[in-house]
Amino acid sequence: MTEIAIEHDQPVLRTEVRGNVLVITLNRPHAKHAFNGALASALSETLDRYDEDTATSVAVLTGSGGTFSSGMDLKALLTGERSYTEKRGGFGIMKRPPEKPLIAAVEGYAVAGGFELALSTDLIVAARDARFGLPEVKRGLVALGGALFRLPRRIPYHAVMEMALTGQLYSAERLQQLGLVSRVVDPGSALASALELAATISENGPLALRATKQILFHSHAWTDEQAWAEQRRFSDPALRSEDAKEGPRAFAEKRKPSWRGV
């Protein structure tokens, strides 16, 4: 267990490695995991280590105490504190998510910047009673953490418009119907379900996982003609690796692959 950035005698973020899965837990329950500078820096630094670590291939992001994140810490904002980092942007993730897969395990509320935090991940597992939304317009504010351009790429345009313009909250089941939430589970079991999903993903080649995520993440900006060349930037390192030889070899020998991440 690694603890980072102490606040009120508690770490603002905790990490734990389970097999080859990294669990990242937001830990400002007194503020409903609202992001201040310390939490943004802690998440950014954790993601840096995650991207560099060959021992972990999938990560799960969750919040302690039954909620995900209420967004930006407005009290910290009023004192001039900023909840972003130069390298990764808002909350230490929004501008530059990790290169490797990241799953959000959502209990309680993921609203405003907390929703945009979930949108910075690759898959969302949510408790049935979880609530999501962009209430910024209710306060005369604008959601600038990526939701207004990421959501239209993932769910229907008019559904995004209604969500963003009304500022209303939506259930996990409704967002699953729209294709945004991958799994809806019983309250209290989002992390367990996300870990099951992570375990399934982590059985695959780590370099292939990284390349696959990067191609999917960047593909929206490519024309079909560009995509044929651009995807090779990410796939070539994986296809030239020892793991790319180990996978077919293990298949031929009828055994599980022994991935090395090289």
C-alpha atoms as a PDB file:
ATOM      1  CA  MET A   1       0.000   0.000   0.000  1.00  0.00           C
ATOM      2  CA  THR A   2       1.374   3.393  -1.042  1.00  0.00           C
ATOM      3  CA  GLU A   3       0.106   6.593   0.562  1.00  0.00           C
ATOM      4  CA  ILE A   4       0.548  10.015  -1.007  1.00  0.00           C
ATOM      5  CA  ALA A   5      -0.160  13.665  -0.034  1.00  0.00           C
ATOM      6  CA  ILE A   6      -1.273  13.814   3.596  1.00  0.00           C
ATOM      7  CA  GLU A   7      -4.257  16.022   4.529  1.00  0.00           C
ATOM      8  CA  HIS A   8      -5.834  16.075   7.992  1.00  0.00           C
ATOM      9  CA  ASP A   9      -3.545  13.160   8.913  1.00  0.00           C
ATOM     10  CA  GLN A  10      -4.923  11.087   6.029  1.00  0.00           C
ATOM     11  CA  PRO A  11      -3.613  10.483   2.487  1.00  0.00           C
ATOM     12  CA  VAL A  12      -5.719  12.235  -0.151  1.00  0.00           C
ATOM     13  CA  LEU A  13      -5.206   9.229  -2.412  1.00  0.00           C
ATOM     14  CA  ARG A  14      -4.342   5.584  -1.801  1.00  0.00           C
ATOM     15  CA  THR A  15      -2.928   2.990  -4.166  1.00  0.00           C
ATOM     16  CA  GLU A  16      -2.847  -0.778  -3.939  1.00  0.00           C
ATOM     17  CA  VAL A  17      -1.604  -3.423  -6.356  1.00  0.00           C
ATOM     18  CA  ARG A  18      -3.705  -6.570  -6.691  1.00  0.00           C
ATOM     19  CA  GLY A  19      -1.893  -8.971  -8.984  1.00  0.00           C
ATOM     20  CA  ASN A  20      -1.236  -6.901 -12.087  1.00  0.00           C
ATOM     21  CA  VAL A  21      -4.120  -4.488 -11.404  1.00  0.00           C
ATOM     22  CA  LEU A  22      -3.539  -1.092  -9.767  1.00  0.00           C
ATOM     23  CA  VAL A  23      -6.354   0.193  -7.541  1.00  0.00           C
ATOM     24  CA  ILE A  24      -6.422   3.988  -7.107  1.00  0.00           C
ATOM     25  CA  THR A  25      -8.713   5.252  -4.356  1.00  0.00           C
ATOM     26  CA  LEU A  26      -9.617   8.927  -3.920  1.00  0.00           C
ATOM     27  CA  ASN A  27      -9.574   9.671  -0.195  1.00  0.00           C
ATOM     28  CA  ARG A  28     -11.104  13.026   0.688  1.00  0.00           C
ATOM     29  CA  PRO A  29     -14.421  11.674   2.016  1.00  0.00           C
ATOM     30  CA  HIS A  30     -15.040  14.799   4.127  1.00  0.00           C
ATOM     31  CA  ALA A  31     -15.176  16.759   0.836  1.00  0.00           C
ATOM     32  CA  LYS A  32     -16.870  14.001  -1.210  1.00  0.00           C
ATOM     33  CA  HIS A  33     -13.552  13.629  -3.044  1.00  0.00           C
ATOM     34  CA  ALA A  34     -13.698  17.143  -4.446  1.00  0.00           C
ATOM     35  CA  PHE A  35     -10.427  17.931  -6.179  1.00  0.00           C
ATOM     36  CA  ASN A  36      -7.952  20.446  -4.815  1.00  0.00           C
ATOM     37  CA  GLY A  37      -4.341  20.940  -5.854  1.00  0.00           C
ATOM     38  CA  ALA A  38      -3.031  18.155  -3.618  1.00  0.00           C
ATOM     39  CA  LEU A  39      -5.406  15.538  -4.985  1.00  0.00           C
ATOM     40  CA  ALA A  40      -4.804  16.578  -8.605  1.00  0.00           C
ATOM     41  CA  SER A  41      -1.034  16.335  -8.107  1.00  0.00           C
ATOM     42  CA  ALA A  42      -1.338  12.987  -6.351  1.00  0.00           C
ATOM     43  CA  LEU A  43      -3.439  11.512  -9.167  1.00  0.00           C
ATOM     44  CA  SER A  44      -1.135  12.884 -11.859  1.00  0.00           C
ATOM     45  CA  GLU A  45       1.944  11.435 -10.169  1.00  0.00           C
ATOM     46  CA  THR A  46       0.193   8.103  -9.649  1.00  0.00           C
ATOM     47  CA  LEU A  47      -0.711   7.902 -13.334  1.00  0.00           C
ATOM     48  CA  ASP A  48       2.882   8.717 -14.289  1.00  0.00           C
ATOM     49  CA  ARG A  49       4.060   5.748 -12.255  1.00  0.00           C
ATOM     50  CA  TYR A  50       1.306   3.555 -13.642  1.00  0.00           C
ATOM     51  CA  ASP A  51       2.300   4.296 -17.241  1.00  0.00           C
ATOM     52  CA  GLU A  52       5.934   3.460 -16.453  1.00  0.00           C
ATOM     53  CA  ASP A  53       5.275   0.320 -14.395  1.00  0.00           C
ATOM     54  CA  THR A  54       5.596  -2.920 -16.381  1.00  0.00           C
ATOM     55  CA  ALA A  55       4.098  -4.959 -13.521  1.00  0.00           C
ATOM     56  CA  THR A  56       0.578  -3.480 -13.858  1.00  0.00           C
ATOM     57  CA  SER A  57      -1.463  -3.482 -17.056  1.00  0.00           C
ATOM     58  CA  VAL A  58      -4.891  -2.257 -15.892  1.00  0.00           C
ATOM     59  CA  ALA A  59      -5.974   0.274 -13.239  1.00  0.00           C
ATOM     60  CA  VAL A  60      -9.242   0.890 -11.399  1.00  0.00           C
ATOM     61  CA  LEU A  61     -10.171   4.355 -10.093  1.00  0.00           C
ATOM     62  CA  THR A  62     -12.695   4.648  -7.264  1.00  0.00           C
ATOM     63  CA  GLY A  63     -13.570   6.741  -4.218  1.00  0.00           C
ATOM     64  CA  SER A  64     -13.661   5.781  -0.563  1.00  0.00           C
ATOM     65  CA  GLY A  65     -16.756   6.019   1.624  1.00  0.00           C
ATOM     66  CA  GLY A  66     -19.408   5.247  -0.977  1.00  0.00           C
ATOM     67  CA  THR A  67     -19.028   8.127  -3.429  1.00  0.00           C
ATOM     68  CA  PHE A  68     -16.914   8.805  -6.513  1.00  0.00           C
ATOM     69  CA  SER A  69     -16.343  12.567  -6.799  1.00  0.00           C
ATOM     70  CA  SER A  70     -18.318  15.790  -6.455  1.00  0.00           C
ATOM     71  CA  GLY A  71     -15.941  17.592  -8.817  1.00  0.00           C
ATOM     72  CA  MET A  72     -13.842  20.656  -8.072  1.00  0.00           C
ATOM     73  CA  ASP A  73     -13.245  21.837  -4.515  1.00  0.00           C
ATOM     74  CA  LEU A  74     -14.881  25.277  -4.722  1.00  0.00           C
ATOM     75  CA  LYS A  75     -13.518  26.307  -1.322  1.00  0.00           C
ATOM     76  CA  ALA A  76      -9.991  25.678  -2.573  1.00  0.00           C
ATOM     77  CA  LEU A  77     -10.815  27.510  -5.815  1.00  0.00           C
ATOM     78  CA  LEU A  78     -11.918  30.614  -3.906  1.00  0.00           C
ATOM     79  CA  THR A  79      -8.506  30.748  -2.203  1.00  0.00           C
ATOM     80  CA  GLY A  80      -6.770  30.706  -5.593  1.00  0.00           C
ATOM     81  CA  GLU A  81      -5.848  27.017  -5.524  1.00  0.00           C
ATOM     82  CA  ARG A  82      -6.022  25.227  -8.874  1.00  0.00           C
ATOM     83  CA  SER A  83      -6.994  21.580  -9.252  1.00  0.00           C
ATOM     84  CA  TYR A  84      -4.898  20.794 -12.310  1.00  0.00           C
ATOM     85  CA  THR A  85      -1.341  19.902 -13.293  1.00  0.00           C
ATOM     86  CA  GLU A  86       0.675  21.211 -16.212  1.00  0.00           C
ATOM     87  CA  LYS A  87       1.304  17.715 -17.545  1.00  0.00           C
ATOM     88  CA  ARG A  88      -2.139  16.103 -17.333  1.00  0.00           C
ATOM     89  CA  GLY A  89      -4.546  19.035 -17.005  1.00  0.00           C
ATOM     90  CA  GLY A  90      -7.689  19.131 -14.859  1.00  0.00           C
ATOM     91  CA  PHE A  91      -7.680  16.860 -11.806  1.00  0.00           C
ATOM     92  CA  GLY A  92      -4.322  15.501 -12.987  1.00  0.00           C
ATOM     93  CA  ILE A  93      -5.957  13.401 -15.732  1.00  0.00           C
ATOM     94  CA  MET A  94      -8.489  15.171 -17.986  1.00  0.00           C
ATOM     95  CA  LYS A  95      -6.142  16.521 -20.652  1.00  0.00           C
ATOM     96  CA  ARG A  96      -3.857  13.496 -20.673  1.00  0.00           C
ATOM     97  CA  PRO A  97      -5.337  10.236 -19.370  1.00  0.00           C
ATOM     98  CA  PRO A  98      -2.978   7.299 -18.809  1.00  0.00           C
ATOM     99  CA  GLU A  99      -1.720   5.395 -21.834  1.00  0.00           C
ATOM    100  CA  LYS A 100      -2.865   2.114 -20.293  1.00  0.00           C
ATOM    101  CA  PRO A 101      -6.491   1.059 -19.581  1.00  0.00           C
ATOM    102  CA  LEU A 102      -8.319   2.715 -16.679  1.00  0.00           C
ATOM    103  CA  ILE A 103     -11.713   1.641 -15.287  1.00  0.00           C
ATOM    104  CA  ALA A 104     -13.941   3.859 -13.120  1.00  0.00           C
ATOM    105  CA  ALA A 105     -15.795   2.128 -10.269  1.00  0.00           C
ATOM    106  CA  VAL A 106     -18.577   4.567  -9.348  1.00  0.00           C
ATOM    107  CA  GLU A 107     -20.648   4.572  -6.182  1.00  0.00           C
ATOM    108  CA  GLY A 108     -22.796   7.508  -5.100  1.00  0.00           C
ATOM    109  CA  TYR A 109     -22.264  10.676  -7.109  1.00  0.00           C
ATOM    110  CA  ALA A 110     -20.084  11.482 -10.121  1.00  0.00           C
ATOM    111  CA  VAL A 111     -21.185  15.025 -10.861  1.00  0.00           C
ATOM    112  CA  ALA A 112     -19.698  18.104 -12.534  1.00  0.00           C
ATOM    113  CA  GLY A 113     -15.934  17.547 -12.632  1.00  0.00           C
ATOM    114  CA  GLY A 114     -16.535  14.179 -11.006  1.00  0.00           C
ATOM    115  CA  PHE A 115     -18.488  13.092 -14.088  1.00  0.00           C
ATOM    116  CA  GLU A 116     -15.733  14.458 -16.308  1.00  0.00           C
ATOM    117  CA  LEU A 117     -13.249  12.481 -14.228  1.00  0.00           C
ATOM    118  CA  ALA A 118     -15.219   9.310 -15.046  1.00  0.00           C
ATOM    119  CA  LEU A 119     -15.238  10.339 -18.718  1.00  0.00           C
ATOM    120  CA  SER A 120     -11.431  10.435 -18.592  1.00  0.00           C
ATOM    121  CA  THR A 121     -11.425   6.680 -17.989  1.00  0.00           C
ATOM    122  CA  ASP A 122     -11.977   3.953 -20.584  1.00  0.00           C
ATOM    123  CA  LEU A 123     -14.766   1.950 -18.953  1.00  0.00           C
ATOM    124  CA  ILE A 124     -17.338   2.814 -16.283  1.00  0.00           C
ATOM    125  CA  VAL A 125     -18.785   0.315 -13.810  1.00  0.00           C
ATOM    126  CA  ALA A 126     -21.490   1.897 -11.649  1.00  0.00           C
ATOM    127  CA  ALA A 127     -23.753   1.035  -8.769  1.00  0.00           C
ATOM    128  CA  ARG A 128     -27.444   1.042  -9.652  1.00  0.00           C
ATOM    129  CA  ASP A 129     -28.102   4.002  -7.356  1.00  0.00           C
ATOM    130  CA  ALA A 130     -25.155   6.061  -8.653  1.00  0.00           C
ATOM    131  CA  ARG A 131     -25.960   9.452 -10.140  1.00  0.00           C
ATOM    132  CA  PHE A 132     -24.175  11.354 -12.916  1.00  0.00           C
ATOM    133  CA  GLY A 133     -24.596  14.843 -14.261  1.00  0.00           C
ATOM    134  CA  LEU A 134     -23.284  18.221 -15.363  1.00  0.00           C
ATOM    135  CA  PRO A 135     -24.993  20.747 -13.081  1.00  0.00           C
ATOM    136  CA  GLU A 136     -22.628  23.597 -13.957  1.00  0.00           C
ATOM    137  CA  VAL A 137     -25.274  25.590 -15.850  1.00  0.00           C
ATOM    138  CA  LYS A 138     -27.380  25.730 -12.685  1.00  0.00           C
ATOM    139  CA  ARG A 139     -24.602  27.880 -11.183  1.00  0.00           C
ATOM    140  CA  GLY A 140     -23.945  29.945 -14.303  1.00  0.00           C
ATOM    141  CA  LEU A 141     -20.791  27.934 -15.022  1.00  0.00           C
ATOM    142  CA  VAL A 142     -19.560  25.907 -18.007  1.00  0.00           C
ATOM    143  CA  ALA A 143     -18.242  22.328 -17.889  1.00  0.00           C
ATOM    144  CA  LEU A 144     -14.686  22.594 -19.216  1.00  0.00           C
ATOM    145  CA  GLY A 145     -13.230  19.245 -18.125  1.00  0.00           C
ATOM    146  CA  GLY A 146     -13.859  17.526 -21.447  1.00  0.00           C
ATOM    147  CA  ALA A 147     -17.498  16.463 -21.125  1.00  0.00           C
ATOM    148  CA  LEU A 148     -18.851  18.822 -23.779  1.00  0.00           C
ATOM    149  CA  PHE A 149     -16.643  17.339 -26.504  1.00  0.00           C
ATOM    150  CA  ARG A 150     -16.145  13.793 -25.193  1.00  0.00           C
ATOM    151  CA  LEU A 151     -19.803  13.009 -24.548  1.00  0.00           C
ATOM    152  CA  PRO A 152     -20.986  13.732 -28.153  1.00  0.00           C
ATOM    153  CA  ARG A 153     -18.456  11.142 -29.364  1.00  0.00           C
ATOM    154  CA  ARG A 154     -19.941   8.495 -27.094  1.00  0.00           C
ATOM    155  CA  ILE A 155     -23.693   9.021 -26.812  1.00  0.00           C
ATOM    156  CA  PRO A 156     -26.355  10.621 -29.068  1.00  0.00           C
ATOM    157  CA  TYR A 157     -26.108  14.364 -29.656  1.00  0.00           C
ATOM    158  CA  HIS A 158     -29.564  15.231 -28.352  1.00  0.00           C
ATOM    159  CA  ALA A 159     -29.054  13.171 -25.207  1.00  0.00           C
ATOM    160  CA  VAL A 160     -25.903  15.178 -24.506  1.00  0.00           C
ATOM    161  CA  MET A 161     -27.726  18.433 -25.181  1.00  0.00           C
ATOM    162  CA  GLU A 162     -30.486  17.601 -22.725  1.00  0.00           C
ATOM    163  CA  MET A 163     -28.017  16.500 -20.061  1.00  0.00           C
ATOM    164  CA  ALA A 164     -25.775  19.547 -20.436  1.00  0.00           C
ATOM    165  CA  LEU A 165     -28.490  22.188 -20.832  1.00  0.00           C
ATOM    166  CA  THR A 166     -30.792  21.008 -18.039  1.00  0.00           C
ATOM    167  CA  GLY A 167     -28.055  20.226 -15.515  1.00  0.00           C
ATOM    168  CA  GLN A 168     -30.155  17.325 -14.267  1.00  0.00           C
ATOM    169  CA  LEU A 169     -28.752  14.127 -12.771  1.00  0.00           C
ATOM    170  CA  TYR A 170     -29.024  10.781 -14.529  1.00  0.00           C
ATOM    171  CA  SER A 171     -29.083   7.220 -13.252  1.00  0.00           C
ATOM    172  CA  ALA A 172     -26.458   4.616 -14.050  1.00  0.00           C
ATOM    173  CA  GLU A 173     -29.122   2.533 -15.785  1.00  0.00           C
ATOM    174  CA  ARG A 174     -30.051   5.411 -18.109  1.00  0.00           C
ATOM    175  CA  LEU A 175     -26.406   5.952 -19.026  1.00  0.00           C
ATOM    176  CA  GLN A 176     -26.029   2.236 -19.650  1.00  0.00           C
ATOM    177  CA  GLN A 177     -28.981   2.446 -22.064  1.00  0.00           C
ATOM    178  CA  LEU A 178     -27.126   5.246 -23.852  1.00  0.00           C
ATOM    179  CA  GLY A 179     -23.973   3.113 -24.022  1.00  0.00           C
ATOM    180  CA  LEU A 180     -21.827   5.142 -21.640  1.00  0.00           C
ATOM    181  CA  VAL A 181     -21.802   2.878 -18.574  1.00  0.00           C
ATOM    182  CA  SER A 182     -20.485  -0.634 -19.220  1.00  0.00           C
ATOM    183  CA  ARG A 183     -21.907  -2.445 -16.198  1.00  0.00           C
ATOM    184  CA  VAL A 184     -24.587  -1.600 -13.630  1.00  0.00           C
ATOM    185  CA  VAL A 185     -24.306  -3.521 -10.365  1.00  0.00           C
ATOM    186  CA  ASP A 186     -25.812  -3.625  -6.898  1.00  0.00           C
ATOM    187  CA  PRO A 187     -24.916  -0.753  -4.556  1.00  0.00           C
ATOM    188  CA  GLY A 188     -21.633  -1.373  -2.780  1.00  0.00           C
ATOM    189  CA  SER A 189     -20.281  -3.754  -5.423  1.00  0.00           C
ATOM    190  CA  ALA A 190     -18.933  -1.386  -8.108  1.00  0.00           C
ATOM    191  CA  LEU A 191     -15.310  -1.903  -7.086  1.00  0.00           C
ATOM    192  CA  ALA A 192     -15.645  -5.694  -6.931  1.00  0.00           C
ATOM    193  CA  SER A 193     -17.241  -5.760 -10.393  1.00  0.00           C
ATOM    194  CA  ALA A 194     -14.619  -3.387 -11.803  1.00  0.00           C
ATOM    195  CA  LEU A 195     -11.878  -5.631 -10.411  1.00  0.00           C
ATOM    196  CA  GLU A 196     -13.473  -8.641 -12.121  1.00  0.00           C
ATOM    197  CA  LEU A 197     -13.469  -6.728 -15.400  1.00  0.00           C
ATOM    198  CA  ALA A 198      -9.878  -5.606 -14.816  1.00  0.00           C
ATOM    199  CA  ALA A 199      -8.800  -9.193 -14.110  1.00  0.00           C
ATOM    200  CA  THR A 200     -10.274 -10.326 -17.421  1.00  0.00           C
ATOM    201  CA  ILE A 201      -8.532  -7.524 -19.307  1.00  0.00           C
ATOM    202  CA  SER A 202      -5.227  -8.087 -17.506  1.00  0.00           C
ATOM    203  CA  GLU A 203      -4.985 -11.658 -18.832  1.00  0.00           C
ATOM    204  CA  ASN A 204      -4.117 -10.138 -22.208  1.00  0.00           C
ATOM    205  CA  GLY A 205      -0.774  -8.874 -23.469  1.00  0.00           C
ATOM    206  CA  PRO A 206       0.101  -5.592 -21.699  1.00  0.00           C
ATOM    207  CA  LEU A 207       1.770  -4.000 -24.720  1.00  0.00           C
ATOM    208  CA  ALA A 208      -1.134  -5.000 -26.938  1.00  0.00           C
ATOM    209  CA  LEU A 209      -3.559  -3.487 -24.404  1.00  0.00           C
ATOM    210  CA  ARG A 210      -1.676  -0.176 -24.376  1.00  0.00           C
ATOM    211  CA  ALA A 211      -1.526  -0.039 -28.184  1.00  0.00           C
ATOM    212  CA  THR A 212      -5.196  -0.956 -28.552  1.00  0.00           C
ATOM    213  CA  LYS A 213      -6.310   1.724 -26.098  1.00  0.00           C
ATOM    214  CA  GLN A 214      -4.179   4.389 -27.790  1.00  0.00           C
ATOM    215  CA  ILE A 215      -5.527   3.595 -31.248  1.00  0.00           C
ATOM    216  CA  LEU A 216      -9.110   3.741 -29.997  1.00  0.00           C
ATOM    217  CA  PHE A 217      -8.448   6.927 -28.010  1.00  0.00           C
ATOM    218  CA  HIS A 218      -6.870   8.834 -30.907  1.00  0.00           C
ATOM    219  CA  SER A 219      -8.876   7.416 -33.813  1.00  0.00           C
ATOM    220  CA  HIS A 220     -11.629  10.065 -33.685  1.00  0.00           C
ATOM    221  CA  ALA A 221      -9.164  12.620 -35.053  1.00  0.00           C
ATOM    222  CA  TRP A 222      -8.087  10.511 -38.052  1.00  0.00           C
ATOM    223  CA  THR A 223      -9.544  10.173 -41.498  1.00  0.00           C
ATOM    224  CA  ASP A 224      -9.689   6.605 -42.814  1.00  0.00           C
ATOM    225  CA  GLU A 225      -6.647   7.314 -44.964  1.00  0.00           C
ATOM    226  CA  GLN A 226      -4.662   8.656 -42.001  1.00  0.00           C
ATOM    227  CA  ALA A 227      -5.738   5.814 -39.732  1.00  0.00           C
ATOM    228  CA  TRP A 228      -3.870   3.138 -41.687  1.00  0.00           C
ATOM    229  CA  ALA A 229      -0.553   4.850 -41.030  1.00  0.00           C
ATOM    230  CA  GLU A 230      -1.297   6.393 -37.646  1.00  0.00           C
ATOM    231  CA  GLN A 231      -2.327   3.143 -35.978  1.00  0.00           C
ATOM    232  CA  ARG A 232       1.087   1.674 -36.752  1.00  0.00           C
ATOM    233  CA  ARG A 233       2.756   4.241 -34.485  1.00  0.00           C
ATOM    234  CA  PHE A 234       1.098   2.506 -31.561  1.00  0.00           C
ATOM    235  CA  SER A 235       0.930  -1.074 -32.788  1.00  0.00           C
ATOM    236  CA  ASP A 236       4.511  -1.512 -34.066  1.00  0.00           C
ATOM    237  CA  PRO A 237       6.214  -1.521 -30.631  1.00  0.00           C
ATOM    238  CA  ALA A 238       3.780  -4.200 -29.446  1.00  0.00           C
ATOM    239  CA  LEU A 239       4.100  -6.306 -32.596  1.00  0.00           C
ATOM    240  CA  ARG A 240       7.906  -6.203 -32.435  1.00  0.00           C
ATOM    241  CA  SER A 241       8.002  -7.243 -28.783  1.00  0.00           C
ATOM    242  CA  GLU A 242       8.865 -10.542 -27.160  1.00  0.00           C
ATOM    243  CA  ASP A 243       5.266 -10.724 -25.956  1.00  0.00           C
ATOM    244  CA  ALA A 244       4.120 -10.848 -29.589  1.00  0.00           C
ATOM    245  CA  LYS A 245       6.153 -14.042 -29.958  1.00  0.00           C
ATOM    246  CA  GLU A 246       5.065 -15.436 -26.585  1.00  0.00           C
ATOM    247  CA  GLY A 247       1.333 -15.181 -27.386  1.00  0.00           C
ATOM    248  CA  PRO A 248       1.341 -17.437 -30.487  1.00  0.00           C
ATOM    249  CA  ARG A 249       3.872 -19.754 -28.839  1.00  0.00           C
ATOM    250  CA  ALA A 250       1.655 -20.219 -25.781  1.00  0.00           C
ATOM    251  CA  PHE A 251      -1.358 -20.835 -28.022  1.00  0.00           C
ATOM    252  CA  ALA A 252       0.518 -23.537 -29.946  1.00  0.00           C
ATOM    253  CA  GLU A 253       1.686 -25.139 -26.701  1.00  0.00           C
ATOM    254  CA  LYS A 254      -1.819 -24.946 -25.179  1.00  0.00           C
ATOM    255  CA  ARG A 255      -0.796 -22.960 -22.106  1.00  0.00           C
ATOM    256  CA  LYS A 256      -1.362 -19.497 -20.670  1.00  0.00           C
ATOM    257  CA  PRO A 257       1.057 -16.856 -21.956  1.00  0.00           C
ATOM    258  CA  SER A 258       3.749 -15.574 -19.624  1.00  0.00           C
ATOM    259  CA  TRP A 259       3.748 -11.868 -20.413  1.00  0.00           C
ATOM    260  CA  ARG A 260       6.891  -9.818 -19.747  1.00  0.00           C
ATOM    261  CA  GLY A 261       5.823  -6.449 -21.085  1.00  0.00           C
ATOM    262  CA  VAL A 262       8.838  -6.364 -23.429  1.00  0.00           C
END
